[in-house]
Amino acid sequence: TFKEESVGGIVRDALDFCEQKFKHHGIDLRVSCDDELKIPCQKVQISQVLVNVLSNARHVLDGVSHPFVEIRAFADGSHAVIEIENSGPRIEESIERKIFYPFFTTKGVGEGTGLGLSISKGIVEKHGGRFYLKAKTTHTTFVIEIPAVKASLSSKRAA
C-alpha cells in the first residue's frame, strides 16, 4: 500500500546513502526541492530509484572536471517531477533507448548488472508514473514523474 510521503524527505533519504561518496569524489551536489510536495508511494522504493540514478551519475563523473549532480523536485500540473542532472558526458543517442532494457550496461565487466534503470522504470510505473531520459538537454537528465497528492498542489496555487 502507498503512503503519503514528502518528496523532499525521499530525496534526503536517498542522499544519506550517496552524499559521502559524492564528497569523496569531489562532486558538487545541488538540491532544490519543494518541501510541500507529497506523493502517494512506497518511500523505500522511490528512494531506491534515486539511489540507482545517483550511483550511475557518480560512476560517469569519474575524471570529469568540475563534476556536479543537480536534483530538482517541483510540481508540474498534477504531477511531482524529480529531475536528476549530471555533468558527465551526454548519453549517446544510439544507446538512449537501450539503457532501460534489463541487463544493458555501459559499465565494464563486473562493475554493473544492467538492472538498475530497468528496475527503477518498473518501480516508477507501478506508482502510476513515468521514468525517462530528458531529450535535447546539455547534460544527462533523468526525470521521474509521479502523480502528486492533490493537497500539496492546491496549497501551491493558493500561494
N, C-alpha and C. Protein backbone atom coordinates (compact mmCIF):
# COMPACT_ATOMS: atom_id res chain seq x y z
N THR A 1 0.84 -1.19 0.00
CA THR A 1 0.00 0.00 0.00
C THR A 1 0.88 1.25 0.00
N PHE A 2 0.36 2.30 -0.60
CA PHE A 2 1.08 3.55 -0.69
C PHE A 2 0.72 4.46 0.48
N LYS A 3 1.70 5.23 0.90
CA LYS A 3 1.51 6.18 1.98
C LYS A 3 1.92 7.56 1.45
N GLU A 4 1.29 8.60 1.94
CA GLU A 4 1.62 9.97 1.54
C GLU A 4 3.00 10.33 2.09
N GLU A 5 3.93 10.69 1.21
CA GLU A 5 5.30 10.99 1.62
C GLU A 5 5.77 12.31 1.01
N SER A 6 6.65 12.99 1.71
CA SER A 6 7.26 14.23 1.23
C SER A 6 8.36 13.90 0.22
N VAL A 7 8.31 14.54 -0.94
CA VAL A 7 9.33 14.32 -1.96
C VAL A 7 10.70 14.75 -1.43
N GLY A 8 10.73 15.88 -0.70
CA GLY A 8 11.98 16.34 -0.11
C GLY A 8 12.57 15.33 0.85
N GLY A 9 11.72 14.69 1.63
CA GLY A 9 12.17 13.65 2.57
C GLY A 9 12.74 12.45 1.85
N ILE A 10 12.11 12.06 0.75
CA ILE A 10 12.60 10.93 -0.04
C ILE A 10 13.97 11.26 -0.63
N VAL A 11 14.11 12.48 -1.15
CA VAL A 11 15.39 12.91 -1.72
C VAL A 11 16.47 12.88 -0.63
N ARG A 12 16.16 13.41 0.55
CA ARG A 12 17.14 13.41 1.65
C ARG A 12 17.54 11.99 2.05
N ASP A 13 16.57 11.07 2.09
CA ASP A 13 16.89 9.67 2.40
C ASP A 13 17.86 9.08 1.39
N ALA A 14 17.62 9.34 0.11
CA ALA A 14 18.50 8.82 -0.95
C ALA A 14 19.90 9.42 -0.82
N LEU A 15 19.95 10.71 -0.50
CA LEU A 15 21.25 11.38 -0.36
C LEU A 15 22.05 10.85 0.82
N ASP A 16 21.36 10.37 1.86
CA ASP A 16 22.06 9.77 3.00
C ASP A 16 22.94 8.61 2.56
N PHE A 17 22.53 7.89 1.51
CA PHE A 17 23.29 6.75 1.01
C PHE A 17 24.48 7.19 0.14
N CYS A 18 24.37 8.34 -0.51
CA CYS A 18 25.32 8.72 -1.55
C CYS A 18 26.22 9.90 -1.22
N GLU A 19 25.80 10.74 -0.30
CA GLU A 19 26.46 12.03 -0.10
C GLU A 19 27.96 11.91 0.18
N GLN A 20 28.36 10.97 1.03
CA GLN A 20 29.78 10.83 1.36
C GLN A 20 30.62 10.45 0.14
N LYS A 21 30.10 9.54 -0.68
CA LYS A 21 30.82 9.15 -1.90
C LYS A 21 30.96 10.34 -2.84
N PHE A 22 29.92 11.15 -2.93
CA PHE A 22 29.97 12.33 -3.79
C PHE A 22 31.05 13.29 -3.30
N LYS A 23 31.07 13.54 -1.98
CA LYS A 23 32.09 14.43 -1.41
C LYS A 23 33.48 13.87 -1.65
N HIS A 24 33.64 12.57 -1.43
CA HIS A 24 34.94 11.90 -1.60
C HIS A 24 35.45 12.04 -3.04
N HIS A 25 34.54 12.06 -4.00
CA HIS A 25 34.91 12.18 -5.41
C HIS A 25 34.88 13.63 -5.91
N GLY A 26 34.65 14.59 -5.00
CA GLY A 26 34.67 16.00 -5.37
C GLY A 26 33.51 16.43 -6.25
N ILE A 27 32.37 15.74 -6.10
CA ILE A 27 31.19 16.06 -6.91
C ILE A 27 30.34 17.09 -6.17
N ASP A 28 30.07 18.20 -6.84
CA ASP A 28 29.23 19.25 -6.29
C ASP A 28 27.77 18.79 -6.35
N LEU A 29 27.14 18.71 -5.21
CA LEU A 29 25.75 18.25 -5.13
C LEU A 29 24.85 19.44 -4.91
N ARG A 30 23.90 19.65 -5.83
CA ARG A 30 22.97 20.78 -5.74
C ARG A 30 21.55 20.22 -5.62
N VAL A 31 20.83 20.69 -4.62
CA VAL A 31 19.48 20.16 -4.39
C VAL A 31 18.49 21.31 -4.25
N SER A 32 17.40 21.21 -4.99
CA SER A 32 16.34 22.20 -4.92
C SER A 32 15.01 21.44 -4.90
N CYS A 33 14.38 21.38 -3.71
CA CYS A 33 13.14 20.60 -3.54
C CYS A 33 12.03 21.45 -2.98
N ASP A 34 10.85 21.25 -3.53
CA ASP A 34 9.63 21.83 -2.96
C ASP A 34 9.23 20.94 -1.79
N ASP A 35 9.47 21.40 -0.57
CA ASP A 35 9.22 20.57 0.61
C ASP A 35 7.75 20.31 0.89
N GLU A 36 6.87 21.08 0.27
CA GLU A 36 5.43 20.86 0.47
C GLU A 36 4.89 19.74 -0.43
N LEU A 37 5.66 19.39 -1.43
CA LEU A 37 5.22 18.41 -2.43
C LEU A 37 5.19 17.00 -1.85
N LYS A 38 4.03 16.33 -2.01
CA LYS A 38 3.88 14.97 -1.48
C LYS A 38 3.36 14.04 -2.59
N ILE A 39 3.79 12.77 -2.49
CA ILE A 39 3.32 11.75 -3.43
C ILE A 39 2.85 10.53 -2.65
N PRO A 40 1.84 9.82 -3.19
CA PRO A 40 1.47 8.55 -2.59
C PRO A 40 2.45 7.49 -3.12
N CYS A 41 3.18 6.85 -2.19
CA CYS A 41 4.22 5.93 -2.67
C CYS A 41 4.68 4.97 -1.59
N GLN A 42 5.54 4.06 -2.00
CA GLN A 42 6.32 3.26 -1.07
C GLN A 42 7.68 3.95 -1.04
N LYS A 43 7.91 4.69 0.02
CA LYS A 43 9.08 5.58 0.15
C LYS A 43 10.40 4.88 -0.17
N VAL A 44 10.59 3.68 0.35
CA VAL A 44 11.84 2.95 0.14
C VAL A 44 12.07 2.68 -1.34
N GLN A 45 11.01 2.37 -2.07
CA GLN A 45 11.15 2.08 -3.49
C GLN A 45 11.55 3.32 -4.29
N ILE A 46 10.91 4.45 -4.02
CA ILE A 46 11.25 5.68 -4.76
C ILE A 46 12.66 6.13 -4.36
N SER A 47 13.02 5.96 -3.12
CA SER A 47 14.37 6.27 -2.67
C SER A 47 15.38 5.39 -3.42
N GLN A 48 15.04 4.13 -3.63
CA GLN A 48 15.92 3.21 -4.36
C GLN A 48 16.13 3.67 -5.80
N VAL A 49 15.08 4.17 -6.43
CA VAL A 49 15.19 4.70 -7.80
C VAL A 49 16.21 5.85 -7.81
N LEU A 50 16.08 6.76 -6.86
CA LEU A 50 17.02 7.88 -6.77
C LEU A 50 18.45 7.40 -6.53
N VAL A 51 18.61 6.44 -5.62
CA VAL A 51 19.95 5.90 -5.33
C VAL A 51 20.55 5.27 -6.60
N ASN A 52 19.73 4.55 -7.37
CA ASN A 52 20.23 3.95 -8.62
C ASN A 52 20.74 5.02 -9.58
N VAL A 53 19.96 6.07 -9.78
CA VAL A 53 20.34 7.14 -10.71
C VAL A 53 21.57 7.88 -10.19
N LEU A 54 21.60 8.16 -8.89
CA LEU A 54 22.74 8.86 -8.30
C LEU A 54 24.01 8.02 -8.37
N SER A 55 23.88 6.73 -8.16
CA SER A 55 25.03 5.83 -8.24
C SER A 55 25.59 5.81 -9.66
N ASN A 56 24.71 5.76 -10.65
CA ASN A 56 25.16 5.81 -12.04
C ASN A 56 25.84 7.14 -12.34
N ALA A 57 25.29 8.22 -11.82
CA ALA A 57 25.86 9.55 -12.05
C ALA A 57 27.27 9.61 -11.46
N ARG A 58 27.43 9.10 -10.25
CA ARG A 58 28.75 9.10 -9.62
C ARG A 58 29.76 8.35 -10.49
N HIS A 59 29.33 7.25 -11.05
CA HIS A 59 30.20 6.42 -11.90
C HIS A 59 30.63 7.18 -13.17
N VAL A 60 29.69 7.85 -13.84
CA VAL A 60 30.03 8.54 -15.10
C VAL A 60 30.81 9.83 -14.88
N LEU A 61 30.83 10.33 -13.64
CA LEU A 61 31.53 11.58 -13.36
C LEU A 61 33.02 11.38 -13.04
N ASP A 62 33.48 10.13 -12.97
CA ASP A 62 34.90 9.88 -12.74
C ASP A 62 35.71 10.55 -13.85
N GLY A 63 36.64 11.39 -13.47
CA GLY A 63 37.51 12.04 -14.45
C GLY A 63 36.93 13.29 -15.10
N VAL A 64 35.70 13.66 -14.78
CA VAL A 64 35.08 14.86 -15.35
C VAL A 64 35.54 16.07 -14.52
N SER A 65 35.96 17.14 -15.20
CA SER A 65 36.36 18.32 -14.44
C SER A 65 35.12 19.10 -14.00
N HIS A 66 35.16 19.62 -12.79
CA HIS A 66 34.04 20.34 -12.16
C HIS A 66 32.75 19.51 -12.20
N PRO A 67 32.78 18.28 -11.68
CA PRO A 67 31.58 17.43 -11.73
C PRO A 67 30.49 17.94 -10.80
N PHE A 68 29.25 17.82 -11.28
CA PHE A 68 28.12 18.16 -10.42
C PHE A 68 26.94 17.25 -10.70
N VAL A 69 26.09 17.13 -9.69
CA VAL A 69 24.79 16.49 -9.82
C VAL A 69 23.79 17.47 -9.24
N GLU A 70 22.73 17.73 -9.99
CA GLU A 70 21.69 18.63 -9.51
C GLU A 70 20.37 17.87 -9.46
N ILE A 71 19.72 17.94 -8.31
CA ILE A 71 18.40 17.31 -8.13
C ILE A 71 17.39 18.44 -7.95
N ARG A 72 16.36 18.41 -8.80
CA ARG A 72 15.29 19.41 -8.70
C ARG A 72 13.97 18.65 -8.53
N ALA A 73 13.16 19.07 -7.56
CA ALA A 73 11.84 18.46 -7.36
C ALA A 73 10.82 19.58 -7.29
N PHE A 74 9.78 19.46 -8.12
CA PHE A 74 8.78 20.52 -8.21
C PHE A 74 7.46 19.94 -8.72
N ALA A 75 6.39 20.72 -8.58
CA ALA A 75 5.08 20.32 -9.09
C ALA A 75 4.96 20.78 -10.53
N ASP A 76 4.38 19.93 -11.36
CA ASP A 76 4.09 20.29 -12.75
C ASP A 76 2.71 19.72 -13.06
N GLY A 77 1.72 20.60 -13.09
CA GLY A 77 0.34 20.12 -13.27
C GLY A 77 -0.05 19.27 -12.08
N SER A 78 -0.49 18.05 -12.34
CA SER A 78 -0.93 17.16 -11.27
C SER A 78 0.17 16.20 -10.82
N HIS A 79 1.39 16.43 -11.31
CA HIS A 79 2.49 15.52 -11.00
C HIS A 79 3.61 16.17 -10.20
N ALA A 80 4.28 15.32 -9.43
CA ALA A 80 5.55 15.70 -8.82
C ALA A 80 6.62 15.28 -9.81
N VAL A 81 7.56 16.16 -10.07
CA VAL A 81 8.65 15.88 -11.01
C VAL A 81 9.96 15.97 -10.25
N ILE A 82 10.77 14.93 -10.41
CA ILE A 82 12.13 14.93 -9.85
C ILE A 82 13.08 14.79 -11.03
N GLU A 83 13.95 15.76 -11.20
CA GLU A 83 14.96 15.71 -12.26
C GLU A 83 16.33 15.53 -11.61
N ILE A 84 17.11 14.61 -12.16
CA ILE A 84 18.47 14.36 -11.69
C ILE A 84 19.40 14.58 -12.88
N GLU A 85 20.13 15.68 -12.82
CA GLU A 85 21.03 16.06 -13.91
C GLU A 85 22.47 15.85 -13.46
N ASN A 86 23.32 15.34 -14.37
CA ASN A 86 24.74 15.25 -14.03
C ASN A 86 25.57 15.83 -15.16
N SER A 87 26.76 16.31 -14.81
CA SER A 87 27.62 17.00 -15.78
C SER A 87 28.53 16.06 -16.56
N GLY A 88 28.26 14.77 -16.48
CA GLY A 88 29.05 13.82 -17.25
C GLY A 88 28.70 13.89 -18.72
N PRO A 89 29.38 13.08 -19.53
CA PRO A 89 29.07 13.09 -20.96
C PRO A 89 27.63 12.67 -21.22
N ARG A 90 27.00 13.31 -22.19
CA ARG A 90 25.61 13.01 -22.56
C ARG A 90 25.54 11.57 -23.05
N ILE A 91 24.46 10.89 -22.74
CA ILE A 91 24.26 9.52 -23.22
C ILE A 91 24.07 9.57 -24.73
N GLU A 92 24.82 8.74 -25.42
CA GLU A 92 24.76 8.73 -26.89
C GLU A 92 23.38 8.31 -27.37
N GLU A 93 22.92 8.97 -28.44
CA GLU A 93 21.59 8.66 -29.00
C GLU A 93 21.45 7.18 -29.33
N SER A 94 22.53 6.57 -29.81
CA SER A 94 22.47 5.17 -30.23
C SER A 94 22.12 4.22 -29.08
N ILE A 95 22.37 4.64 -27.83
CA ILE A 95 22.06 3.74 -26.71
C ILE A 95 20.95 4.27 -25.80
N GLU A 96 20.42 5.46 -26.10
CA GLU A 96 19.39 6.05 -25.24
C GLU A 96 18.23 5.09 -24.96
N ARG A 97 17.73 4.43 -25.98
CA ARG A 97 16.57 3.54 -25.79
C ARG A 97 16.96 2.28 -25.03
N LYS A 98 18.19 1.84 -25.21
CA LYS A 98 18.63 0.58 -24.61
C LYS A 98 18.88 0.67 -23.11
N ILE A 99 19.10 1.88 -22.58
CA ILE A 99 19.52 1.98 -21.17
C ILE A 99 18.47 1.48 -20.18
N PHE A 100 17.22 1.40 -20.61
CA PHE A 100 16.16 0.91 -19.72
C PHE A 100 15.90 -0.58 -19.90
N TYR A 101 16.63 -1.23 -20.83
CA TYR A 101 16.47 -2.67 -21.04
C TYR A 101 17.18 -3.43 -19.92
N PRO A 102 16.58 -4.54 -19.46
CA PRO A 102 17.26 -5.35 -18.45
C PRO A 102 18.61 -5.85 -18.99
N PHE A 103 19.62 -5.83 -18.14
CA PHE A 103 20.97 -6.34 -18.40
C PHE A 103 21.79 -5.49 -19.36
N PHE A 104 21.28 -4.34 -19.79
CA PHE A 104 22.09 -3.44 -20.62
C PHE A 104 22.92 -2.56 -19.70
N THR A 105 24.22 -2.53 -19.92
CA THR A 105 25.09 -1.68 -19.11
C THR A 105 26.20 -1.10 -19.97
N THR A 106 26.65 0.08 -19.59
CA THR A 106 27.79 0.69 -20.26
C THR A 106 29.04 0.54 -19.39
N LYS A 107 28.86 -0.07 -18.22
CA LYS A 107 29.98 -0.26 -17.30
C LYS A 107 30.80 -1.46 -17.72
N GLY A 108 32.02 -1.51 -17.21
CA GLY A 108 32.91 -2.63 -17.52
C GLY A 108 32.42 -3.93 -16.90
N VAL A 109 33.02 -5.03 -17.33
CA VAL A 109 32.67 -6.35 -16.81
C VAL A 109 32.86 -6.36 -15.30
N GLY A 110 31.85 -6.85 -14.59
CA GLY A 110 31.92 -6.94 -13.14
C GLY A 110 31.60 -5.65 -12.40
N GLU A 111 31.29 -4.58 -13.13
CA GLU A 111 31.02 -3.29 -12.48
C GLU A 111 29.54 -2.98 -12.35
N GLY A 112 28.71 -3.61 -13.15
CA GLY A 112 27.27 -3.33 -13.08
C GLY A 112 26.48 -4.48 -13.68
N THR A 113 25.24 -4.62 -13.22
CA THR A 113 24.39 -5.72 -13.71
C THR A 113 23.52 -5.29 -14.88
N GLY A 114 23.34 -3.97 -15.05
CA GLY A 114 22.45 -3.51 -16.10
C GLY A 114 20.99 -3.63 -15.69
N LEU A 115 20.74 -3.71 -14.40
CA LEU A 115 19.37 -3.86 -13.92
C LEU A 115 18.82 -2.61 -13.24
N GLY A 116 19.68 -1.71 -12.79
CA GLY A 116 19.26 -0.55 -12.02
C GLY A 116 18.20 0.30 -12.68
N LEU A 117 18.43 0.71 -13.93
CA LEU A 117 17.46 1.58 -14.61
C LEU A 117 16.21 0.82 -15.01
N SER A 118 16.36 -0.44 -15.38
CA SER A 118 15.20 -1.26 -15.74
C SER A 118 14.28 -1.44 -14.53
N ILE A 119 14.86 -1.80 -13.40
CA ILE A 119 14.08 -1.97 -12.17
C ILE A 119 13.46 -0.63 -11.76
N SER A 120 14.23 0.44 -11.86
CA SER A 120 13.74 1.78 -11.50
C SER A 120 12.53 2.16 -12.34
N LYS A 121 12.61 1.89 -13.64
CA LYS A 121 11.49 2.20 -14.54
C LYS A 121 10.24 1.43 -14.09
N GLY A 122 10.40 0.17 -13.76
CA GLY A 122 9.27 -0.64 -13.28
C GLY A 122 8.67 -0.11 -12.00
N ILE A 123 9.52 0.32 -11.08
CA ILE A 123 9.04 0.88 -9.80
C ILE A 123 8.21 2.14 -10.05
N VAL A 124 8.75 3.05 -10.85
CA VAL A 124 8.04 4.31 -11.11
C VAL A 124 6.71 4.03 -11.81
N GLU A 125 6.70 3.11 -12.76
CA GLU A 125 5.46 2.78 -13.47
C GLU A 125 4.43 2.15 -12.53
N LYS A 126 4.87 1.36 -11.55
CA LYS A 126 3.95 0.79 -10.56
C LYS A 126 3.34 1.88 -9.68
N HIS A 127 3.99 3.04 -9.62
CA HIS A 127 3.48 4.18 -8.88
C HIS A 127 2.65 5.10 -9.78
N GLY A 128 2.32 4.62 -10.98
CA GLY A 128 1.49 5.39 -11.90
C GLY A 128 2.25 6.51 -12.61
N GLY A 129 3.57 6.42 -12.59
CA GLY A 129 4.38 7.50 -13.16
C GLY A 129 5.18 7.10 -14.38
N ARG A 130 6.07 8.01 -14.75
CA ARG A 130 6.97 7.80 -15.89
C ARG A 130 8.40 8.07 -15.45
N PHE A 131 9.33 7.30 -16.02
CA PHE A 131 10.76 7.45 -15.76
C PHE A 131 11.45 7.47 -17.10
N TYR A 132 12.13 8.56 -17.40
CA TYR A 132 12.71 8.68 -18.74
C TYR A 132 13.91 9.61 -18.75
N LEU A 133 14.61 9.60 -19.86
CA LEU A 133 15.74 10.49 -20.09
C LEU A 133 15.21 11.72 -20.80
N LYS A 134 15.50 12.89 -20.26
CA LYS A 134 15.01 14.15 -20.84
C LYS A 134 15.73 14.37 -22.18
N ALA A 135 14.96 14.70 -23.20
CA ALA A 135 15.52 14.90 -24.54
C ALA A 135 16.12 16.29 -24.69
N LYS A 136 17.08 16.37 -25.58
CA LYS A 136 17.67 17.65 -26.00
C LYS A 136 18.11 18.54 -24.84
N THR A 137 18.91 17.98 -23.95
CA THR A 137 19.47 18.75 -22.85
C THR A 137 21.00 18.74 -22.99
N THR A 138 21.64 19.72 -22.39
CA THR A 138 23.09 19.80 -22.43
C THR A 138 23.72 18.63 -21.69
N HIS A 139 23.18 18.34 -20.51
CA HIS A 139 23.68 17.25 -19.68
C HIS A 139 22.65 16.13 -19.59
N THR A 140 23.11 14.96 -19.19
CA THR A 140 22.21 13.84 -18.98
C THR A 140 21.27 14.18 -17.82
N THR A 141 19.98 14.10 -18.08
CA THR A 141 18.98 14.41 -17.06
C THR A 141 17.90 13.33 -17.07
N PHE A 142 17.80 12.61 -15.95
CA PHE A 142 16.74 11.63 -15.79
C PHE A 142 15.56 12.30 -15.11
N VAL A 143 14.35 11.90 -15.51
CA VAL A 143 13.14 12.51 -14.99
C VAL A 143 12.23 11.42 -14.41
N ILE A 144 11.75 11.69 -13.20
CA ILE A 144 10.76 10.84 -12.54
C ILE A 144 9.51 11.70 -12.39
N GLU A 145 8.40 11.24 -12.94
CA GLU A 145 7.12 11.94 -12.79
C GLU A 145 6.16 10.98 -12.10
N ILE A 146 5.59 11.44 -10.98
CA ILE A 146 4.64 10.61 -10.23
C ILE A 146 3.45 11.50 -9.86
N PRO A 147 2.22 10.97 -9.99
CA PRO A 147 1.07 11.77 -9.58
C PRO A 147 1.25 12.28 -8.15
N ALA A 148 0.99 13.55 -7.95
CA ALA A 148 1.17 14.17 -6.63
C ALA A 148 -0.12 14.11 -5.82
N VAL A 149 0.04 14.25 -4.51
CA VAL A 149 -1.11 14.35 -3.62
C VAL A 149 -1.77 15.70 -3.91
N LYS A 150 -3.07 15.69 -4.16
CA LYS A 150 -3.77 16.92 -4.56
C LYS A 150 -3.59 18.07 -3.58
N ALA A 151 -3.58 17.79 -2.28
CA ALA A 151 -3.45 18.86 -1.27
C ALA A 151 -2.13 19.61 -1.43
N SER A 152 -1.06 18.90 -1.81
CA SER A 152 0.24 19.58 -1.94
C SER A 152 0.27 20.46 -3.19
N LEU A 153 -0.62 20.18 -4.14
CA LEU A 153 -0.70 21.01 -5.34
C LEU A 153 -1.59 22.22 -5.10
N SER A 154 -2.72 22.02 -4.43
CA SER A 154 -3.66 23.13 -4.21
C SER A 154 -3.08 24.18 -3.28
N SER A 155 -2.24 23.77 -2.32
CA SER A 155 -1.64 24.76 -1.42
C SER A 155 -0.70 25.67 -2.19
N LYS A 156 -0.10 25.17 -3.27
CA LYS A 156 0.79 25.98 -4.10
C LYS A 156 0.00 27.01 -4.90
N ARG A 157 -1.16 26.60 -5.40
CA ARG A 157 -1.96 27.51 -6.22
C ARG A 157 -2.48 28.68 -5.40
N ALA A 158 -2.77 28.44 -4.12
CA ALA A 158 -3.30 29.50 -3.26
C ALA A 158 -2.21 30.52 -2.89
N ALA A 159 -0.97 30.10 -2.93
CA ALA A 159 0.14 30.98 -2.53
C ALA A 159 0.38 32.11 -3.52
